[in-house]
């Protein structure tokens, strides 16, 4: 899913720098072509997330779903049910916004809420049978839509990103990059 797409963030064959749609190029003193620290990753990850969201958004818009709604459905697809506070954190939404979004998903019979059996003060969200079916169907559409972007490095990239997320969640600084 990381392969370059015509006209988007492709390295220049002569300069070795990337040129973004806004005409700015990376390289030289600001950032190198190969990021050396977590701080250098921020603009790259942001750009990749925006481009990927735009592509996924084309599939989701045909289903009348937003990226945020898709994030909620993906989280709930594990079938475990999640507290609304966890859903809000994972979807990067404020609690009030999440409540409105989940209300819409409930109205579409994709999600339902239940009181947490262990902590009755908490509400857990789950996918309905229709929600599971719709998630599987749309997930297959998204995967087909993005199939041309797959590379053999995707699994490795995903593992690196998981490791970065784990370090950031743990509050540990990114270890210095060493090369063999």
C-alpha atoms as a PDB file:
ATOM      1  CA  UNK A   1       0.000   0.000   0.000  1.00  0.00           C
ATOM      2  CA  UNK A   2       2.982   2.287  -0.075  1.00  0.00           C
ATOM      3  CA  UNK A   3       3.818   2.317  -3.765  1.00  0.00           C
ATOM      4  CA  UNK A   4       3.891   5.667  -5.500  1.00  0.00           C
ATOM      5  CA  UNK A   5       0.971   6.657  -7.673  1.00  0.00           C
ATOM      6  CA  UNK A   6       1.389   8.683 -10.832  1.00  0.00           C
ATOM      7  CA  UNK A   7       1.767  12.333  -9.936  1.00  0.00           C
ATOM      8  CA  UNK A   8       1.847  11.813  -6.167  1.00  0.00           C
ATOM      9  CA  UNK A   9       4.979  12.270  -4.071  1.00  0.00           C
ATOM     10  CA  UNK A  10       7.339  10.554  -6.480  1.00  0.00           C
ATOM     11  CA  UNK A  11      11.077  10.960  -6.067  1.00  0.00           C
ATOM     12  CA  UNK A  12      12.728  12.952  -8.779  1.00  0.00           C
ATOM     13  CA  UNK A  13      15.088  10.678 -10.719  1.00  0.00           C
ATOM     14  CA  UNK A  14      17.705  13.412 -10.896  1.00  0.00           C
ATOM     15  CA  UNK A  15      17.462  15.244  -7.597  1.00  0.00           C
ATOM     16  CA  UNK A  16      16.668  12.416  -5.181  1.00  0.00           C
ATOM     17  CA  UNK A  17      14.061  14.558  -3.454  1.00  0.00           C
ATOM     18  CA  UNK A  18      10.305  14.157  -3.325  1.00  0.00           C
ATOM     19  CA  UNK A  19       8.039  16.803  -4.734  1.00  0.00           C
ATOM     20  CA  UNK A  20       4.657  17.258  -3.071  1.00  0.00           C
ATOM     21  CA  UNK A  21       1.507  18.464  -4.832  1.00  0.00           C
ATOM     22  CA  UNK A  22       2.019  21.905  -3.314  1.00  0.00           C
ATOM     23  CA  UNK A  23       5.385  22.175  -5.093  1.00  0.00           C
ATOM     24  CA  UNK A  24       7.481  21.961  -1.940  1.00  0.00           C
ATOM     25  CA  UNK A  25      10.349  19.532  -2.020  1.00  0.00           C
ATOM     26  CA  UNK A  26      12.014  17.684   0.804  1.00  0.00           C
ATOM     27  CA  UNK A  27      15.709  17.345   1.029  1.00  0.00           C
ATOM     28  CA  UNK A  28      18.845  19.143   2.006  1.00  0.00           C
ATOM     29  CA  UNK A  29      18.915  20.657   5.454  1.00  0.00           C
ATOM     30  CA  UNK A  30      15.262  20.272   6.541  1.00  0.00           C
ATOM     31  CA  UNK A  31      14.816  16.533   6.059  1.00  0.00           C
ATOM     32  CA  UNK A  32      16.743  13.829   4.273  1.00  0.00           C
ATOM     33  CA  UNK A  33      15.194  11.412   1.798  1.00  0.00           C
ATOM     34  CA  UNK A  34      15.641   8.674   4.395  1.00  0.00           C
ATOM     35  CA  UNK A  35      14.185   9.839   7.708  1.00  0.00           C
ATOM     36  CA  UNK A  36      16.570   9.423  10.614  1.00  0.00           C
ATOM     37  CA  UNK A  37      14.269  10.124  13.546  1.00  0.00           C
ATOM     38  CA  UNK A  38      10.651   9.855  14.593  1.00  0.00           C
ATOM     39  CA  UNK A  39      10.364  13.629  14.182  1.00  0.00           C
ATOM     40  CA  UNK A  40      11.227  13.261  10.481  1.00  0.00           C
ATOM     41  CA  UNK A  41       8.386  10.759  10.087  1.00  0.00           C
ATOM     42  CA  UNK A  42       5.584  13.174  10.957  1.00  0.00           C
ATOM     43  CA  UNK A  43       5.223  14.853   7.542  1.00  0.00           C
ATOM     44  CA  UNK A  44       5.654  11.537   5.719  1.00  0.00           C
ATOM     45  CA  UNK A  45       3.078   9.713   7.821  1.00  0.00           C
ATOM     46  CA  UNK A  46       0.685  12.649   7.584  1.00  0.00           C
ATOM     47  CA  UNK A  47       0.972  12.747   3.803  1.00  0.00           C
ATOM     48  CA  UNK A  48       0.589   8.961   3.487  1.00  0.00           C
ATOM     49  CA  UNK A  49      -2.471   9.010   5.780  1.00  0.00           C
ATOM     50  CA  UNK A  50      -4.086  11.805   3.762  1.00  0.00           C
ATOM     51  CA  UNK A  51      -3.484  10.094   0.432  1.00  0.00           C
ATOM     52  CA  UNK A  52      -4.686   6.724   1.709  1.00  0.00           C
ATOM     53  CA  UNK A  53      -7.742   8.309   3.363  1.00  0.00           C
ATOM     54  CA  UNK A  54      -8.601  10.033   0.103  1.00  0.00           C
ATOM     55  CA  UNK A  55      -8.499   6.713  -1.773  1.00  0.00           C
ATOM     56  CA  UNK A  56     -10.454   4.829   0.906  1.00  0.00           C
ATOM     57  CA  UNK A  57     -12.861   7.755   1.074  1.00  0.00           C
ATOM     58  CA  UNK A  58     -13.868   7.225  -2.548  1.00  0.00           C
ATOM     59  CA  UNK A  59     -15.110   3.725  -1.693  1.00  0.00           C
ATOM     60  CA  UNK A  60     -16.700   4.844   1.574  1.00  0.00           C
ATOM     61  CA  UNK A  61     -18.551   7.781   0.026  1.00  0.00           C
ATOM     62  CA  UNK A  62     -20.390   5.372  -2.280  1.00  0.00           C
ATOM     63  CA  UNK A  63     -21.532   3.598   0.915  1.00  0.00           C
ATOM     64  CA  UNK A  64     -22.461   6.872   2.667  1.00  0.00           C
ATOM     65  CA  UNK A  65     -19.734   6.280   5.264  1.00  0.00           C
ATOM     66  CA  UNK A  66     -17.090   8.679   6.515  1.00  0.00           C
ATOM     67  CA  UNK A  67     -13.504   7.764   7.350  1.00  0.00           C
ATOM     68  CA  UNK A  68     -14.397   8.238  11.032  1.00  0.00           C
ATOM     69  CA  UNK A  69     -17.376   5.875  10.740  1.00  0.00           C
ATOM     70  CA  UNK A  70     -15.127   3.336   9.012  1.00  0.00           C
ATOM     71  CA  UNK A  71     -12.605   3.542  11.853  1.00  0.00           C
ATOM     72  CA  UNK A  72     -15.405   2.809  14.326  1.00  0.00           C
ATOM     73  CA  UNK A  73     -16.686  -0.128  12.280  1.00  0.00           C
ATOM     74  CA  UNK A  74     -13.163  -1.553  11.935  1.00  0.00           C
ATOM     75  CA  UNK A  75     -12.547  -1.348  15.675  1.00  0.00           C
ATOM     76  CA  UNK A  76     -15.864  -3.008  16.478  1.00  0.00           C
ATOM     77  CA  UNK A  77     -15.330  -5.731  13.850  1.00  0.00           C
ATOM     78  CA  UNK A  78     -13.336  -7.794  16.357  1.00  0.00           C
ATOM     79  CA  UNK A  79     -16.673  -8.702  17.973  1.00  0.00           C
ATOM     80  CA  UNK A  80     -15.498  -7.935  21.502  1.00  0.00           C
ATOM     81  CA  UNK A  81     -17.495  -4.770  22.015  1.00  0.00           C
ATOM     82  CA  UNK A  82     -15.608  -1.709  23.189  1.00  0.00           C
ATOM     83  CA  UNK A  83     -16.321   1.004  25.749  1.00  0.00           C
ATOM     84  CA  UNK A  84     -17.331   4.254  24.105  1.00  0.00           C
ATOM     85  CA  UNK A  85     -14.302   5.990  25.661  1.00  0.00           C
ATOM     86  CA  UNK A  86     -11.999   3.488  23.926  1.00  0.00           C
ATOM     87  CA  UNK A  87     -13.853   3.896  20.639  1.00  0.00           C
ATOM     88  CA  UNK A  88     -13.468   7.681  20.906  1.00  0.00           C
ATOM     89  CA  UNK A  89      -9.732   7.365  21.541  1.00  0.00           C
ATOM     90  CA  UNK A  90      -9.162   4.865  18.725  1.00  0.00           C
ATOM     91  CA  UNK A  91     -11.238   6.896  16.257  1.00  0.00           C
ATOM     92  CA  UNK A  92      -9.525  10.140  17.362  1.00  0.00           C
ATOM     93  CA  UNK A  93     -12.880  11.772  18.026  1.00  0.00           C
ATOM     94  CA  UNK A  94     -14.106  13.830  20.976  1.00  0.00           C
ATOM     95  CA  UNK A  95     -16.758  11.967  23.009  1.00  0.00           C
ATOM     96  CA  UNK A  96     -19.631  14.205  21.871  1.00  0.00           C
ATOM     97  CA  UNK A  97     -18.750  13.780  18.198  1.00  0.00           C
ATOM     98  CA  UNK A  98     -18.419  10.031  18.643  1.00  0.00           C
ATOM     99  CA  UNK A  99     -21.849   9.850  20.302  1.00  0.00           C
ATOM    100  CA  UNK A 100     -23.437  11.573  17.286  1.00  0.00           C
ATOM    101  CA  UNK A 101     -21.564   9.304  14.888  1.00  0.00           C
ATOM    102  CA  UNK A 102     -22.554   6.145  16.776  1.00  0.00           C
ATOM    103  CA  UNK A 103     -26.158   7.413  16.880  1.00  0.00           C
ATOM    104  CA  UNK A 104     -26.054   7.553  13.059  1.00  0.00           C
ATOM    105  CA  UNK A 105     -24.587   4.038  12.880  1.00  0.00           C
ATOM    106  CA  UNK A 106     -27.288   2.803  15.284  1.00  0.00           C
ATOM    107  CA  UNK A 107     -29.950   4.417  13.062  1.00  0.00           C
ATOM    108  CA  UNK A 108     -28.498   2.483  10.111  1.00  0.00           C
ATOM    109  CA  UNK A 109     -28.611  -0.752  12.161  1.00  0.00           C
ATOM    110  CA  UNK A 110     -24.832  -1.181  11.913  1.00  0.00           C
ATOM    111  CA  UNK A 111     -24.016  -0.719  15.617  1.00  0.00           C
ATOM    112  CA  UNK A 112     -25.762  -1.275  18.934  1.00  0.00           C
ATOM    113  CA  UNK A 113     -24.894  -0.236  22.494  1.00  0.00           C
ATOM    114  CA  UNK A 114     -25.159  -2.200  25.713  1.00  0.00           C
ATOM    115  CA  UNK A 115     -24.346  -1.511  29.343  1.00  0.00           C
ATOM    116  CA  UNK A 116     -21.011  -3.088  30.273  1.00  0.00           C
ATOM    117  CA  UNK A 117     -21.787  -6.249  32.291  1.00  0.00           C
ATOM    118  CA  UNK A 118     -18.770  -5.699  34.574  1.00  0.00           C
ATOM    119  CA  UNK A 119     -18.900  -1.926  35.041  1.00  0.00           C
ATOM    120  CA  UNK A 120     -22.527  -0.861  34.682  1.00  0.00           C
ATOM    121  CA  UNK A 121     -21.494   2.807  34.444  1.00  0.00           C
ATOM    122  CA  UNK A 122     -19.885   2.148  31.045  1.00  0.00           C
ATOM    123  CA  UNK A 123     -21.534   1.666  27.666  1.00  0.00           C
ATOM    124  CA  UNK A 124     -20.030  -0.760  25.160  1.00  0.00           C
ATOM    125  CA  UNK A 125     -20.569  -0.610  21.393  1.00  0.00           C
ATOM    126  CA  UNK A 126     -20.881  -3.670  19.141  1.00  0.00           C
ATOM    127  CA  UNK A 127     -21.531  -4.353  15.480  1.00  0.00           C
ATOM    128  CA  UNK A 128     -24.954  -5.738  14.620  1.00  0.00           C
ATOM    129  CA  UNK A 129     -25.221  -8.740  12.287  1.00  0.00           C
ATOM    130  CA  UNK A 130     -25.901  -6.250   9.487  1.00  0.00           C
ATOM    131  CA  UNK A 131     -22.883  -4.202  10.643  1.00  0.00           C
ATOM    132  CA  UNK A 132     -20.628  -7.273  10.451  1.00  0.00           C
ATOM    133  CA  UNK A 133     -21.927  -8.088   6.988  1.00  0.00           C
ATOM    134  CA  UNK A 134     -21.524  -4.498   5.763  1.00  0.00           C
ATOM    135  CA  UNK A 135     -18.036  -4.259   7.285  1.00  0.00           C
ATOM    136  CA  UNK A 136     -16.932  -7.438   5.492  1.00  0.00           C
ATOM    137  CA  UNK A 137     -18.430  -6.276   2.186  1.00  0.00           C
ATOM    138  CA  UNK A 138     -16.935  -2.769   2.315  1.00  0.00           C
ATOM    139  CA  UNK A 139     -13.596  -4.107   3.573  1.00  0.00           C
ATOM    140  CA  UNK A 140     -13.413  -6.361   0.494  1.00  0.00           C
ATOM    141  CA  UNK A 141     -14.205  -3.364  -1.756  1.00  0.00           C
ATOM    142  CA  UNK A 142     -11.495  -1.256  -0.104  1.00  0.00           C
ATOM    143  CA  UNK A 143      -8.928  -4.047  -0.374  1.00  0.00           C
ATOM    144  CA  UNK A 144      -9.771  -4.510  -4.065  1.00  0.00           C
ATOM    145  CA  UNK A 145      -9.575  -0.745  -4.646  1.00  0.00           C
ATOM    146  CA  UNK A 146      -6.129  -0.567  -3.025  1.00  0.00           C
ATOM    147  CA  UNK A 147      -4.765  -3.862  -4.394  1.00  0.00           C
ATOM    148  CA  UNK A 148      -2.636  -2.121  -7.008  1.00  0.00           C
ATOM    149  CA  UNK A 149      -0.716  -0.334  -4.269  1.00  0.00           C
ATOM    150  CA  UNK A 150       0.373  -3.488  -2.442  1.00  0.00           C
ATOM    151  CA  UNK A 151       4.086  -4.265  -2.255  1.00  0.00           C
ATOM    152  CA  UNK A 152       6.102  -7.004  -0.631  1.00  0.00           C
ATOM    153  CA  UNK A 153       7.302  -4.422   1.916  1.00  0.00           C
ATOM    154  CA  UNK A 154       3.814  -3.763   3.341  1.00  0.00           C
ATOM    155  CA  UNK A 155       4.108  -6.385   6.087  1.00  0.00           C
ATOM    156  CA  UNK A 156       7.498  -5.029   7.109  1.00  0.00           C
ATOM    157  CA  UNK A 157       6.210  -1.446   7.047  1.00  0.00           C
ATOM    158  CA  UNK A 158       3.208  -2.444   9.173  1.00  0.00           C
ATOM    159  CA  UNK A 159       5.504  -4.091  11.724  1.00  0.00           C
ATOM    160  CA  UNK A 160       7.703  -0.978  11.865  1.00  0.00           C
ATOM    161  CA  UNK A 161       4.658   1.244  12.359  1.00  0.00           C
ATOM    162  CA  UNK A 162       3.298  -1.083  15.074  1.00  0.00           C
ATOM    163  CA  UNK A 163       6.653  -0.893  16.852  1.00  0.00           C
ATOM    164  CA  UNK A 164       6.683   2.912  16.568  1.00  0.00           C
ATOM    165  CA  UNK A 165       3.135   3.087  17.951  1.00  0.00           C
ATOM    166  CA  UNK A 166       4.101   0.832  20.846  1.00  0.00           C
ATOM    167  CA  UNK A 167       7.099   3.041  21.684  1.00  0.00           C
ATOM    168  CA  UNK A 168       5.016   6.198  21.455  1.00  0.00           C
ATOM    169  CA  UNK A 169       2.267   4.686  23.641  1.00  0.00           C
ATOM    170  CA  UNK A 170       4.849   3.607  26.189  1.00  0.00           C
ATOM    171  CA  UNK A 171       6.356   7.091  26.204  1.00  0.00           C
ATOM    172  CA  UNK A 172       9.804   5.785  25.318  1.00  0.00           C
ATOM    173  CA  UNK A 173      11.961   7.822  22.986  1.00  0.00           C
ATOM    174  CA  UNK A 174      12.684   6.385  19.572  1.00  0.00           C
ATOM    175  CA  UNK A 175      16.012   4.531  19.719  1.00  0.00           C
ATOM    176  CA  UNK A 176      18.762   5.877  17.491  1.00  0.00           C
ATOM    177  CA  UNK A 177      18.852   4.283  14.058  1.00  0.00           C
ATOM    178  CA  UNK A 178      21.866   2.087  13.527  1.00  0.00           C
ATOM    179  CA  UNK A 179      22.899   0.672  10.206  1.00  0.00           C
ATOM    180  CA  UNK A 180      24.848  -2.504   9.625  1.00  0.00           C
END
